[in-house]
Amino acid sequence: MTARNTKAKAMILESLKRSKAVTSHETLQKALKGKADRATIYRVLNRFCDDGIVHKIVGDDGKQYFAVCVNCQGKKHNHNHFHFRCLGCGKVECLAGEVGFKLPKGYRSENFNGFISGYCALCS
């Protein structure tokens, strides 16, 4: 089954691109001001993850956050970098630099979820 381009998908993608930070579902829902319901937003975000358009981060607070993939050229890949959540202002952002690690022989990595919480430069 082919994916349809819907108004909701276009609005959600545009909102994600406008956001300069990693975005939670509830922040996105508020930004859309009722133009898409909760279930539609979840469905679209998960489809974007499957298609390599966004990546999903599960925070130390249990929430799911989403960020637009940059320089992916449509390829699915692991986002092996850390994410930072400020305990003061709540901003979540991708940190530059890839994480390198060596797995034991025979192991293969499919996902990495590195998350750090603390205080950003503005809040500390």
PDB file of N, CA and C in Angstrom:
ATOM      1  N   MET A   1       0.849  -1.174   0.000  1.00  0.00           N
ATOM      2  CA  MET A   1       0.000   0.000   0.000  1.00  0.00           C
ATOM      3  C   MET A   1       0.894   1.235   0.000  1.00  0.00           C
ATOM      4  N   THR A   2       0.631   2.171  -0.877  1.00  0.00           N
ATOM      5  CA  THR A   2       1.431   3.388  -0.953  1.00  0.00           C
ATOM      6  C   THR A   2       0.920   4.417   0.040  1.00  0.00           C
ATOM      7  N   ALA A   3       1.853   5.208   0.537  1.00  0.00           N
ATOM      8  CA  ALA A   3       1.495   6.248   1.497  1.00  0.00           C
ATOM      9  C   ALA A   3       0.897   7.437   0.753  1.00  0.00           C
ATOM     10  N   ARG A   4      -0.153   7.974   1.337  1.00  0.00           N
ATOM     11  CA  ARG A   4      -0.788   9.140   0.736  1.00  0.00           C
ATOM     12  C   ARG A   4      -0.196  10.407   1.332  1.00  0.00           C
ATOM     13  N   ASN A   5      -0.120  11.436   0.519  1.00  0.00           N
ATOM     14  CA  ASN A   5       0.266  12.745   1.022  1.00  0.00           C
ATOM     15  C   ASN A   5      -1.004  13.438   1.474  1.00  0.00           C
ATOM     16  N   THR A   6      -1.118  13.643   2.762  1.00  0.00           N
ATOM     17  CA  THR A   6      -2.315  14.260   3.308  1.00  0.00           C
ATOM     18  C   THR A   6      -1.973  15.636   3.870  1.00  0.00           C
ATOM     19  N   LYS A   7      -3.018  16.397   4.104  1.00  0.00           N
ATOM     20  CA  LYS A   7      -2.853  17.718   4.698  1.00  0.00           C
ATOM     21  C   LYS A   7      -2.201  17.603   6.077  1.00  0.00           C
ATOM     22  N   ALA A   8      -2.638  16.611   6.844  1.00  0.00           N
ATOM     23  CA  ALA A   8      -2.086  16.412   8.192  1.00  0.00           C
ATOM     24  C   ALA A   8      -0.591  16.120   8.131  1.00  0.00           C
ATOM     25  N   LYS A   9      -0.171  15.242   7.211  1.00  0.00           N
ATOM     26  CA  LYS A   9       1.253  14.927   7.072  1.00  0.00           C
ATOM     27  C   LYS A   9       2.050  16.168   6.729  1.00  0.00           C
ATOM     28  N   ALA A  10       1.526  16.967   5.812  1.00  0.00           N
ATOM     29  CA  ALA A  10       2.230  18.192   5.406  1.00  0.00           C
ATOM     30  C   ALA A  10       2.340  19.173   6.573  1.00  0.00           C
ATOM     31  N   MET A  11       1.266  19.338   7.338  1.00  0.00           N
ATOM     32  CA  MET A  11       1.284  20.264   8.482  1.00  0.00           C
ATOM     33  C   MET A  11       2.252  19.790   9.560  1.00  0.00           C
ATOM     34  N   ILE A  12       2.243  18.498   9.832  1.00  0.00           N
ATOM     35  CA  ILE A  12       3.113  17.945  10.873  1.00  0.00           C
ATOM     36  C   ILE A  12       4.577  18.084  10.465  1.00  0.00           C
ATOM     37  N   LEU A  13       4.888  17.754   9.225  1.00  0.00           N
ATOM     38  CA  LEU A  13       6.268  17.872   8.760  1.00  0.00           C
ATOM     39  C   LEU A  13       6.728  19.326   8.785  1.00  0.00           C
ATOM     40  N   GLU A  14       5.879  20.237   8.357  1.00  0.00           N
ATOM     41  CA  GLU A  14       6.237  21.663   8.364  1.00  0.00           C
ATOM     42  C   GLU A  14       6.479  22.148   9.788  1.00  0.00           C
ATOM     43  N   SER A  15       5.646  21.737  10.713  1.00  0.00           N
ATOM     44  CA  SER A  15       5.813  22.133  12.115  1.00  0.00           C
ATOM     45  C   SER A  15       7.117  21.580  12.686  1.00  0.00           C
ATOM     46  N   LEU A  16       7.455  20.336  12.359  1.00  0.00           N
ATOM     47  CA  LEU A  16       8.714  19.748  12.816  1.00  0.00           C
ATOM     48  C   LEU A  16       9.914  20.496  12.243  1.00  0.00           C
ATOM     49  N   LYS A  17       9.830  20.861  10.974  1.00  0.00           N
ATOM     50  CA  LYS A  17      10.939  21.576  10.337  1.00  0.00           C
ATOM     51  C   LYS A  17      11.111  22.977  10.916  1.00  0.00           C
ATOM     52  N   ARG A  18      10.003  23.637  11.267  1.00  0.00           N
ATOM     53  CA  ARG A  18      10.070  24.985  11.855  1.00  0.00           C
ATOM     54  C   ARG A  18      10.677  24.968  13.245  1.00  0.00           C
ATOM     55  N   SER A  19      10.456  23.873  13.964  1.00  0.00           N
ATOM     56  CA  SER A  19      10.968  23.753  15.322  1.00  0.00           C
ATOM     57  C   SER A  19      12.482  23.627  15.269  1.00  0.00           C
ATOM     58  N   LYS A  20      13.156  24.394  16.074  1.00  0.00           N
ATOM     59  CA  LYS A  20      14.620  24.338  16.106  1.00  0.00           C
ATOM     60  C   LYS A  20      15.119  23.292  17.104  1.00  0.00           C
ATOM     61  N   ALA A  21      14.202  22.703  17.853  1.00  0.00           N
ATOM     62  CA  ALA A  21      14.575  21.720  18.861  1.00  0.00           C
ATOM     63  C   ALA A  21      13.844  20.412  18.594  1.00  0.00           C
ATOM     64  N   VAL A  22      14.215  19.403  19.320  1.00  0.00           N
ATOM     65  CA  VAL A  22      13.507  18.130  19.295  1.00  0.00           C
ATOM     66  C   VAL A  22      12.117  18.392  19.884  1.00  0.00           C
ATOM     67  N   THR A  23      11.084  17.776  19.313  1.00  0.00           N
ATOM     68  CA  THR A  23       9.706  18.100  19.665  1.00  0.00           C
ATOM     69  C   THR A  23       8.964  16.893  20.222  1.00  0.00           C
ATOM     70  N   SER A  24       8.197  17.118  21.271  1.00  0.00           N
ATOM     71  CA  SER A  24       7.361  16.049  21.820  1.00  0.00           C
ATOM     72  C   SER A  24       6.013  16.047  21.112  1.00  0.00           C
ATOM     73  N   HIS A  25       5.287  14.946  21.257  1.00  0.00           N
ATOM     74  CA  HIS A  25       3.964  14.833  20.654  1.00  0.00           C
ATOM     75  C   HIS A  25       3.053  15.942  21.165  1.00  0.00           C
ATOM     76  N   GLU A  26       3.049  16.184  22.470  1.00  0.00           N
ATOM     77  CA  GLU A  26       2.139  17.186  23.028  1.00  0.00           C
ATOM     78  C   GLU A  26       2.501  18.600  22.583  1.00  0.00           C
ATOM     79  N   THR A  27       3.787  18.902  22.428  1.00  0.00           N
ATOM     80  CA  THR A  27       4.195  20.214  21.923  1.00  0.00           C
ATOM     81  C   THR A  27       3.728  20.385  20.480  1.00  0.00           C
ATOM     82  N   LEU A  28       3.861  19.337  19.707  1.00  0.00           N
ATOM     83  CA  LEU A  28       3.417  19.361  18.318  1.00  0.00           C
ATOM     84  C   LEU A  28       1.908  19.524  18.232  1.00  0.00           C
ATOM     85  N   GLN A  29       1.181  18.826  19.097  1.00  0.00           N
ATOM     86  CA  GLN A  29      -0.281  18.920  19.112  1.00  0.00           C
ATOM     87  C   GLN A  29      -0.721  20.355  19.433  1.00  0.00           C
ATOM     88  N   LYS A  30      -0.058  21.003  20.387  1.00  0.00           N
ATOM     89  CA  LYS A  30      -0.373  22.396  20.720  1.00  0.00           C
ATOM     90  C   LYS A  30      -0.070  23.325  19.555  1.00  0.00           C
ATOM     91  N   ALA A  31       1.047  23.093  18.874  1.00  0.00           N
ATOM     92  CA  ALA A  31       1.439  23.932  17.739  1.00  0.00           C
ATOM     93  C   ALA A  31       0.436  23.830  16.589  1.00  0.00           C
ATOM     94  N   LEU A  32      -0.170  22.659  16.425  1.00  0.00           N
ATOM     95  CA  LEU A  32      -1.133  22.454  15.336  1.00  0.00           C
ATOM     96  C   LEU A  32      -2.524  22.994  15.668  1.00  0.00           C
ATOM     97  N   LYS A  33      -2.744  23.361  16.920  1.00  0.00           N
ATOM     98  CA  LYS A  33      -3.986  24.011  17.364  1.00  0.00           C
ATOM     99  C   LYS A  33      -5.256  23.296  16.897  1.00  0.00           C
ATOM    100  N   GLY A  34      -5.291  21.980  17.109  1.00  0.00           N
ATOM    101  CA  GLY A  34      -6.494  21.208  16.800  1.00  0.00           C
ATOM    102  C   GLY A  34      -6.690  20.860  15.335  1.00  0.00           C
ATOM    103  N   LYS A  35      -5.718  21.135  14.489  1.00  0.00           N
ATOM    104  CA  LYS A  35      -5.852  20.831  13.058  1.00  0.00           C
ATOM    105  C   LYS A  35      -5.629  19.349  12.753  1.00  0.00           C
ATOM    106  N   ALA A  36      -5.109  18.608  13.732  1.00  0.00           N
ATOM    107  CA  ALA A  36      -4.941  17.157  13.595  1.00  0.00           C
ATOM    108  C   ALA A  36      -5.138  16.544  14.972  1.00  0.00           C
ATOM    109  N   ASP A  37      -5.836  15.418  15.027  1.00  0.00           N
ATOM    110  CA  ASP A  37      -6.081  14.805  16.332  1.00  0.00           C
ATOM    111  C   ASP A  37      -4.875  13.999  16.804  1.00  0.00           C
ATOM    112  N   ARG A  38      -4.923  13.629  18.060  1.00  0.00           N
ATOM    113  CA  ARG A  38      -3.817  12.940  18.735  1.00  0.00           C
ATOM    114  C   ARG A  38      -3.393  11.665  18.007  1.00  0.00           C
ATOM    115  N   ALA A  39      -4.359  10.844  17.627  1.00  0.00           N
ATOM    116  CA  ALA A  39      -4.065   9.568  16.957  1.00  0.00           C
ATOM    117  C   ALA A  39      -3.410   9.793  15.594  1.00  0.00           C
ATOM    118  N   THR A  40      -3.889  10.782  14.856  1.00  0.00           N
ATOM    119  CA  THR A  40      -3.322  11.089  13.542  1.00  0.00           C
ATOM    120  C   THR A  40      -1.872  11.526  13.686  1.00  0.00           C
ATOM    121  N   ILE A  41      -1.600  12.367  14.679  1.00  0.00           N
ATOM    122  CA  ILE A  41      -0.235  12.844  14.894  1.00  0.00           C
ATOM    123  C   ILE A  41       0.689  11.673  15.216  1.00  0.00           C
ATOM    124  N   TYR A  42       0.268  10.780  16.109  1.00  0.00           N
ATOM    125  CA  TYR A  42       1.074   9.600  16.433  1.00  0.00           C
ATOM    126  C   TYR A  42       1.314   8.733  15.198  1.00  0.00           C
ATOM    127  N   ARG A  43       0.264   8.484  14.442  1.00  0.00           N
ATOM    128  CA  ARG A  43       0.381   7.645  13.248  1.00  0.00           C
ATOM    129  C   ARG A  43       1.366   8.245  12.249  1.00  0.00           C
ATOM    130  N   VAL A  44       1.241   9.547  12.006  1.00  0.00           N
ATOM    131  CA  VAL A  44       2.118  10.224  11.043  1.00  0.00           C
ATOM    132  C   VAL A  44       3.564  10.227  11.546  1.00  0.00           C
ATOM    133  N   LEU A  45       3.771  10.524  12.828  1.00  0.00           N
ATOM    134  CA  LEU A  45       5.132  10.540  13.376  1.00  0.00           C
ATOM    135  C   LEU A  45       5.788   9.169  13.270  1.00  0.00           C
ATOM    136  N   ASN A  46       5.032   8.115  13.569  1.00  0.00           N
ATOM    137  CA  ASN A  46       5.593   6.769  13.462  1.00  0.00           C
ATOM    138  C   ASN A  46       5.896   6.401  12.016  1.00  0.00           C
ATOM    139  N   ARG A  47       5.058   6.843  11.098  1.00  0.00           N
ATOM    140  CA  ARG A  47       5.324   6.599   9.667  1.00  0.00           C
ATOM    141  C   ARG A  47       6.582   7.349   9.224  1.00  0.00           C
ATOM    142  N   PHE A  48       6.719   8.607   9.697  1.00  0.00           N
ATOM    143  CA  PHE A  48       7.924   9.379   9.387  1.00  0.00           C
ATOM    144  C   PHE A  48       9.175   8.662   9.916  1.00  0.00           C
ATOM    145  N   CYS A  49       9.074   8.054  11.090  1.00  0.00           N
ATOM    146  CA  CYS A  49      10.202   7.287  11.645  1.00  0.00           C
ATOM    147  C   CYS A  49      10.528   6.103  10.748  1.00  0.00           C
ATOM    148  N   ASP A  50       9.506   5.365  10.344  1.00  0.00           N
ATOM    149  CA  ASP A  50       9.703   4.203   9.471  1.00  0.00           C
ATOM    150  C   ASP A  50      10.332   4.605   8.143  1.00  0.00           C
ATOM    151  N   ASP A  51       9.974   5.783   7.645  1.00  0.00           N
ATOM    152  CA  ASP A  51      10.471   6.258   6.350  1.00  0.00           C
ATOM    153  C   ASP A  51      11.808   6.981   6.450  1.00  0.00           C
ATOM    154  N   GLY A  52      12.348   7.148   7.672  1.00  0.00           N
ATOM    155  CA  GLY A  52      13.637   7.809   7.843  1.00  0.00           C
ATOM    156  C   GLY A  52      13.569   9.322   7.737  1.00  0.00           C
ATOM    157  N   ILE A  53      12.380   9.899   7.872  1.00  0.00           N
ATOM    158  CA  ILE A  53      12.210  11.353   7.789  1.00  0.00           C
ATOM    159  C   ILE A  53      12.509  11.999   9.143  1.00  0.00           C
ATOM    160  N   VAL A  54      12.105  11.341  10.213  1.00  0.00           N
ATOM    161  CA  VAL A  54      12.391  11.814  11.569  1.00  0.00           C
ATOM    162  C   VAL A  54      12.969  10.656  12.378  1.00  0.00           C
ATOM    163  N   HIS A  55      13.622  11.001  13.478  1.00  0.00           N
ATOM    164  CA  HIS A  55      14.028   9.952  14.409  1.00  0.00           C
ATOM    165  C   HIS A  55      13.376  10.209  15.749  1.00  0.00           C
ATOM    166  N   LYS A  56      13.147   9.109  16.453  1.00  0.00           N
ATOM    167  CA  LYS A  56      12.440   9.140  17.727  1.00  0.00           C
ATOM    168  C   LYS A  56      13.443   8.927  18.854  1.00  0.00           C
ATOM    169  N   ILE A  57      13.281   9.721  19.887  1.00  0.00           N
ATOM    170  CA  ILE A  57      14.119   9.622  21.070  1.00  0.00           C
ATOM    171  C   ILE A  57      13.203   9.385  22.257  1.00  0.00           C
ATOM    172  N   VAL A  58      13.496   8.399  23.074  1.00  0.00           N
ATOM    173  CA  VAL A  58      12.745   8.203  24.298  1.00  0.00           C
ATOM    174  C   VAL A  58      13.562   8.840  25.410  1.00  0.00           C
ATOM    175  N   GLY A  59      12.982   9.862  26.039  1.00  0.00           N
ATOM    176  CA  GLY A  59      13.694  10.630  27.045  1.00  0.00           C
ATOM    177  C   GLY A  59      13.756   9.951  28.396  1.00  0.00           C
ATOM    178  N   ASP A  60      14.559  10.523  29.270  1.00  0.00           N
ATOM    179  CA  ASP A  60      14.680  10.001  30.627  1.00  0.00           C
ATOM    180  C   ASP A  60      13.392  10.197  31.421  1.00  0.00           C
ATOM    181  N   ASP A  61      12.493  11.022  30.869  1.00  0.00           N
ATOM    182  CA  ASP A  61      11.193  11.250  31.497  1.00  0.00           C
ATOM    183  C   ASP A  61      10.117  10.321  30.944  1.00  0.00           C
ATOM    184  N   GLY A  62      10.506   9.400  30.032  1.00  0.00           N
ATOM    185  CA  GLY A  62       9.575   8.440  29.449  1.00  0.00           C
ATOM    186  C   GLY A  62       8.820   8.961  28.235  1.00  0.00           C
ATOM    187  N   LYS A  63       8.934  10.253  27.937  1.00  0.00           N
ATOM    188  CA  LYS A  63       8.253  10.826  26.774  1.00  0.00           C
ATOM    189  C   LYS A  63       9.010  10.477  25.496  1.00  0.00           C
ATOM    190  N   GLN A  64       8.258  10.488  24.396  1.00  0.00           N
ATOM    191  CA  GLN A  64       8.866  10.319  23.085  1.00  0.00           C
ATOM    192  C   GLN A  64       9.057  11.697  22.475  1.00  0.00           C
ATOM    193  N   TYR A  65      10.242  11.912  21.924  1.00  0.00           N
ATOM    194  CA  TYR A  65      10.571  13.160  21.248  1.00  0.00           C
ATOM    195  C   TYR A  65      10.947  12.837  19.810  1.00  0.00           C
ATOM    196  N   PHE A  66      10.728  13.799  18.924  1.00  0.00           N
ATOM    197  CA  PHE A  66      10.980  13.583  17.504  1.00  0.00           C
ATOM    198  C   PHE A  66      11.812  14.725  16.941  1.00  0.00           C
ATOM    199  N   ALA A  67      12.731  14.376  16.037  1.00  0.00           N
ATOM    200  CA  ALA A  67      13.566  15.371  15.372  1.00  0.00           C
ATOM    201  C   ALA A  67      13.654  15.012  13.896  1.00  0.00           C
ATOM    202  N   VAL A  68      13.652  16.036  13.060  1.00  0.00           N
ATOM    203  CA  VAL A  68      13.786  15.826  11.620  1.00  0.00           C
ATOM    204  C   VAL A  68      15.196  15.339  11.336  1.00  0.00           C
ATOM    205  N   CYS A  69      15.319  14.309  10.508  1.00  0.00           N
ATOM    206  CA  CYS A  69      16.630  13.799  10.115  1.00  0.00           C
ATOM    207  C   CYS A  69      17.287  14.802   9.176  1.00  0.00           C
ATOM    208  N   VAL A  70      18.547  15.058   9.422  1.00  0.00           N
ATOM    209  CA  VAL A  70      19.308  15.984   8.587  1.00  0.00           C
ATOM    210  C   VAL A  70      20.393  15.194   7.866  1.00  0.00           C
ATOM    211  N   ASN A  71      20.579  15.469   6.596  1.00  0.00           N
ATOM    212  CA  ASN A  71      21.600  14.806   5.777  1.00  0.00           C
ATOM    213  C   ASN A  71      21.415  13.299   5.666  1.00  0.00           C
ATOM    214  N   CYS A  72      20.178  12.834   5.704  1.00  0.00           N
ATOM    215  CA  CYS A  72      19.917  11.396   5.609  1.00  0.00           C
ATOM    216  C   CYS A  72      19.742  10.946   4.162  1.00  0.00           C
ATOM    217  N   GLN A  73      19.343  11.847   3.297  1.00  0.00           N
ATOM    218  CA  GLN A  73      19.046  11.527   1.902  1.00  0.00           C
ATOM    219  C   GLN A  73      18.087  10.345   1.780  1.00  0.00           C
ATOM    220  N   GLY A  74      17.119  10.280   2.690  1.00  0.00           N
ATOM    221  CA  GLY A  74      16.098   9.247   2.618  1.00  0.00           C
ATOM    222  C   GLY A  74      16.540   7.873   3.085  1.00  0.00           C
ATOM    223  N   LYS A  75      17.792   7.733   3.526  1.00  0.00           N
ATOM    224  CA  LYS A  75      18.276   6.435   3.980  1.00  0.00           C
ATOM    225  C   LYS A  75      17.940   6.246   5.454  1.00  0.00           C
ATOM    226  N   LYS A  76      17.557   5.034   5.811  1.00  0.00           N
ATOM    227  CA  LYS A  76      17.355   4.728   7.223  1.00  0.00           C
ATOM    228  C   LYS A  76      18.719   4.426   7.824  1.00  0.00           C
ATOM    229  N   HIS A  77      18.967   4.985   8.961  1.00  0.00           N
ATOM    230  CA  HIS A  77      20.219   4.707   9.647  1.00  0.00           C
ATOM    231  C   HIS A  77      20.051   4.946  11.138  1.00  0.00           C
ATOM    232  N   ASN A  78      21.012   4.486  11.900  1.00  0.00           N
ATOM    233  CA  ASN A  78      20.980   4.699  13.339  1.00  0.00           C
ATOM    234  C   ASN A  78      21.443   6.108  13.656  1.00  0.00           C
ATOM    235  N   HIS A  79      20.787   6.720  14.588  1.00  0.00           N
ATOM    236  CA  HIS A  79      21.166   8.059  15.029  1.00  0.00           C
ATOM    237  C   HIS A  79      21.952   7.891  16.313  1.00  0.00           C
ATOM    238  N   ASN A  80      23.231   7.643  16.150  1.00  0.00           N
ATOM    239  CA  ASN A  80      24.055   7.334  17.313  1.00  0.00           C
ATOM    240  C   ASN A  80      24.724   8.589  17.869  1.00  0.00           C
ATOM    241  N   HIS A  81      23.881   9.471  18.363  1.00  0.00           N
ATOM    242  CA  HIS A  81      24.369  10.658  19.058  1.00  0.00           C
ATOM    243  C   HIS A  81      23.537  10.852  20.320  1.00  0.00           C
ATOM    244  N   PHE A  82      24.077  11.632  21.242  1.00  0.00           N
ATOM    245  CA  PHE A  82      23.353  11.880  22.487  1.00  0.00           C
ATOM    246  C   PHE A  82      22.333  13.002  22.314  1.00  0.00           C
ATOM    247  N   HIS A  83      21.355  12.971  23.189  1.00  0.00           N
ATOM    248  CA  HIS A  83      20.332  14.018  23.247  1.00  0.00           C
ATOM    249  C   HIS A  83      20.360  14.603  24.650  1.00  0.00           C
ATOM    250  N   PHE A  84      20.034  15.880  24.765  1.00  0.00           N
ATOM    251  CA  PHE A  84      20.103  16.580  26.050  1.00  0.00           C
ATOM    252  C   PHE A  84      18.758  17.235  26.343  1.00  0.00           C
ATOM    253  N   ARG A  85      18.245  17.022  27.568  1.00  0.00           N
ATOM    254  CA  ARG A  85      17.006  17.680  28.002  1.00  0.00           C
ATOM    255  C   ARG A  85      17.327  18.571  29.183  1.00  0.00           C
ATOM    256  N   CYS A  86      16.975  19.864  29.033  1.00  0.00           N
ATOM    257  CA  CYS A  86      17.201  20.821  30.104  1.00  0.00           C
ATOM    258  C   CYS A  86      16.091  20.688  31.143  1.00  0.00           C
ATOM    259  N   LEU A  87      16.487  20.511  32.387  1.00  0.00           N
ATOM    260  CA  LEU A  87      15.534  20.398  33.482  1.00  0.00           C
ATOM    261  C   LEU A  87      14.926  21.741  33.849  1.00  0.00           C
ATOM    262  N   GLY A  88      15.535  22.828  33.363  1.00  0.00           N
ATOM    263  CA  GLY A  88      15.013  24.165  33.630  1.00  0.00           C
ATOM    264  C   GLY A  88      13.937  24.578  32.642  1.00  0.00           C
ATOM    265  N   CYS A  89      14.313  24.666  31.370  1.00  0.00           N
ATOM    266  CA  CYS A  89      13.377  25.163  30.347  1.00  0.00           C
ATOM    267  C   CYS A  89      12.667  24.045  29.588  1.00  0.00           C
ATOM    268  N   GLY A  90      13.143  22.806  29.724  1.00  0.00           N
ATOM    269  CA  GLY A  90      12.497  21.667  29.068  1.00  0.00           C
ATOM    270  C   GLY A  90      12.930  21.417  27.641  1.00  0.00           C
ATOM    271  N   LYS A  91      13.802  22.252  27.101  1.00  0.00           N
ATOM    272  CA  LYS A  91      14.251  22.084  25.714  1.00  0.00           C
ATOM    273  C   LYS A  91      15.031  20.779  25.572  1.00  0.00           C
ATOM    274  N   VAL A  92      14.770  20.061  24.475  1.00  0.00           N
ATOM    275  CA  VAL A  92      15.491  18.835  24.154  1.00  0.00           C
ATOM    276  C   VAL A  92      16.203  19.068  22.836  1.00  0.00           C
ATOM    277  N   GLU A  93      17.476  18.707  22.780  1.00  0.00           N
ATOM    278  CA  GLU A  93      18.226  18.932  21.548  1.00  0.00           C
ATOM    279  C   GLU A  93      19.195  17.797  21.268  1.00  0.00           C
ATOM    280  N   CYS A  94      19.511  17.632  19.990  1.00  0.00           N
ATOM    281  CA  CYS A  94      20.515  16.666  19.567  1.00  0.00           C
ATOM    282  C   CYS A  94      21.884  17.285  19.831  1.00  0.00           C
ATOM    283  N   LEU A  95      22.798  16.507  20.384  1.00  0.00           N
ATOM    284  CA  LEU A  95      24.159  16.974  20.609  1.00  0.00           C
ATOM    285  C   LEU A  95      25.042  16.506  19.458  1.00  0.00           C
ATOM    286  N   ALA A  96      25.928  17.376  19.038  1.00  0.00           N
ATOM    287  CA  ALA A  96      26.817  17.063  17.919  1.00  0.00           C
ATOM    288  C   ALA A  96      27.795  15.958  18.307  1.00  0.00           C
ATOM    289  N   GLY A  97      28.212  15.216  17.320  1.00  0.00           N
ATOM    290  CA  GLY A  97      29.211  14.178  17.523  1.00  0.00           C
ATOM    291  C   GLY A  97      28.588  12.811  17.685  1.00  0.00           C
ATOM    292  N   GLU A  98      29.093  11.870  16.925  1.00  0.00           N
ATOM    293  CA  GLU A  98      28.592  10.502  17.002  1.00  0.00           C
ATOM    294  C   GLU A  98      29.234   9.759  18.154  1.00  0.00           C
ATOM    295  N   VAL A  99      28.508   8.817  18.684  1.00  0.00           N
ATOM    296  CA  VAL A  99      29.002   7.973  19.764  1.00  0.00           C
ATOM    297  C   VAL A  99      29.617   6.732  19.133  1.00  0.00           C
ATOM    298  N   GLY A 100      30.830   6.430  19.531  1.00  0.00           N
ATOM    299  CA  GLY A 100      31.487   5.234  19.025  1.00  0.00           C
ATOM    300  C   GLY A 100      31.551   4.177  20.113  1.00  0.00           C
ATOM    301  N   PHE A 101      31.227   2.959  19.757  1.00  0.00           N
ATOM    302  CA  PHE A 101      31.317   1.864  20.713  1.00  0.00           C
ATOM    303  C   PHE A 101      31.568   0.577  19.948  1.00  0.00           C
ATOM    304  N   LYS A 102      32.158  -0.374  20.629  1.00  0.00           N
ATOM    305  CA  LYS A 102      32.461  -1.659  20.002  1.00  0.00           C
ATOM    306  C   LYS A 102      31.660  -2.738  20.711  1.00  0.00           C
ATOM    307  N   LEU A 103      30.855  -3.429  19.950  1.00  0.00           N
ATOM    308  CA  LEU A 103      30.057  -4.524  20.488  1.00  0.00           C
ATOM    309  C   LEU A 103      30.849  -5.825  20.418  1.00  0.00           C
ATOM    310  N   PRO A 104      30.514  -6.779  21.261  1.00  0.00           N
ATOM    311  CA  PRO A 104      31.183  -8.088  21.191  1.00  0.00           C
ATOM    312  C   PRO A 104      30.949  -8.751  19.827  1.00  0.00           C
ATOM    313  N   LYS A 105      31.848  -9.627  19.470  1.00  0.00           N
ATOM    314  CA  LYS A 105      31.766 -10.334  18.192  1.00  0.00           C
ATOM    315  C   LYS A 105      30.416 -11.035  18.068  1.00  0.00           C
ATOM    316  N   GLY A 106      29.776 -10.882  16.916  1.00  0.00           N
ATOM    317  CA  GLY A 106      28.487 -11.511  16.655  1.00  0.00           C
ATOM    318  C   GLY A 106      27.291 -10.637  16.996  1.00  0.00           C
ATOM    319  N   TYR A 107      27.521  -9.522  17.669  1.00  0.00           N
ATOM    320  CA  TYR A 107      26.439  -8.603  18.017  1.00  0.00           C
ATOM    321  C   TYR A 107      26.294  -7.561  16.917  1.00  0.00           C
ATOM    322  N   ARG A 108      25.069  -7.087  16.729  1.00  0.00           N
ATOM    323  CA  ARG A 108      24.807  -6.039  15.734  1.00  0.00           C
ATOM    324  C   ARG A 108      23.853  -5.020  16.332  1.00  0.00           C
ATOM    325  N   SER A 109      24.210  -3.771  16.256  1.00  0.00           N
ATOM    326  CA  SER A 109      23.389  -2.689  16.806  1.00  0.00           C
ATOM    327  C   SER A 109      22.272  -2.315  15.842  1.00  0.00           C
ATOM    328  N   GLU A 110      21.077  -2.159  16.352  1.00  0.00           N
ATOM    329  CA  GLU A 110      19.936  -1.708  15.565  1.00  0.00           C
ATOM    330  C   GLU A 110      19.440  -0.343  16.043  1.00  0.00           C
ATOM    331  N   ASN A 111      19.745   0.002  17.286  1.00  0.00           N
ATOM    332  CA  ASN A 111      19.227   1.253  17.831  1.00  0.00           C
ATOM    333  C   ASN A 111      20.146   1.728  18.949  1.00  0.00           C
ATOM    334  N   PHE A 112      20.249   3.038  19.082  1.00  0.00           N
ATOM    335  CA  PHE A 112      20.994   3.652  20.175  1.00  0.00           C
ATOM    336  C   PHE A 112      20.139   4.772  20.735  1.00  0.00           C
ATOM    337  N   ASN A 113      20.005   4.830  22.050  1.00  0.00           N
ATOM    338  CA  ASN A 113      19.218   5.883  22.678  1.00  0.00           C
ATOM    339  C   ASN A 113      20.027   6.457  23.830  1.00  0.00           C
ATOM    340  N   GLY A 114      20.841   7.469  23.523  1.00  0.00           N
ATOM    341  CA  GLY A 114      21.645   8.119  24.540  1.00  0.00           C
ATOM    342  C   GLY A 114      20.986   9.421  24.961  1.00  0.00           C
ATOM    343  N   PHE A 115      20.725   9.559  26.252  1.00  0.00           N
ATOM    344  CA  PHE A 115      19.984  10.723  26.727  1.00  0.00           C
ATOM    345  C   PHE A 115      20.638  11.268  27.988  1.00  0.00           C
ATOM    346  N   ILE A 116      20.866  12.557  28.006  1.00  0.00           N
ATOM    347  CA  ILE A 116      21.459  13.237  29.156  1.00  0.00           C
ATOM    348  C   ILE A 116      20.493  14.327  29.592  1.00  0.00           C
ATOM    349  N   SER A 117      20.305  14.483  30.897  1.00  0.00           N
ATOM    350  CA  SER A 117      19.496  15.588  31.392  1.00  0.00           C
ATOM    351  C   SER A 117      20.341  16.413  32.349  1.00  0.00           C
ATOM    352  N   GLY A 118      20.033  17.687  32.391  1.00  0.00           N
ATOM    353  CA  GLY A 118      20.772  18.634  33.233  1.00  0.00           C
ATOM    354  C   GLY A 118      20.263  20.024  32.931  1.00  0.00           C
ATOM    355  N   TYR A 119      21.156  21.007  32.955  1.00  0.00           N
ATOM    356  CA  TYR A 119      20.750  22.401  32.723  1.00  0.00           C
ATOM    357  C   TYR A 119      21.537  22.971  31.556  1.00  0.00           C
ATOM    358  N   CYS A 120      20.828  23.597  30.618  1.00  0.00           N
ATOM    359  CA  CYS A 120      21.458  24.191  29.439  1.00  0.00           C
ATOM    360  C   CYS A 120      22.219  25.465  29.848  1.00  0.00           C
ATOM    361  N   ALA A 121      22.938  26.047  28.908  1.00  0.00           N
ATOM    362  CA  ALA A 121      23.744  27.236  29.183  1.00  0.00           C
ATOM    363  C   ALA A 121      22.885  28.408  29.655  1.00  0.00           C
ATOM    364  N   LEU A 122      21.670  28.520  29.149  1.00  0.00           N
ATOM    365  CA  LEU A 122      20.802  29.633  29.543  1.00  0.00           C
ATOM    366  C   LEU A 122      20.231  29.462  30.953  1.00  0.00           C
ATOM    367  N   CYS A 123      20.023  28.211  31.371  1.00  0.00           N
ATOM    368  CA  CYS A 123      19.385  27.943  32.666  1.00  0.00           C
ATOM    369  C   CYS A 123      20.370  27.694  33.799  1.00  0.00           C
ATOM    370  N   SER A 124      21.627  27.386  33.470  1.00  0.00           N
ATOM    371  CA  SER A 124      22.567  27.059  34.563  1.00  0.00           C
ATOM    372  C   SER A 124      23.252  28.279  35.137  1.00  0.00           C
TER     373      SER A 124
END
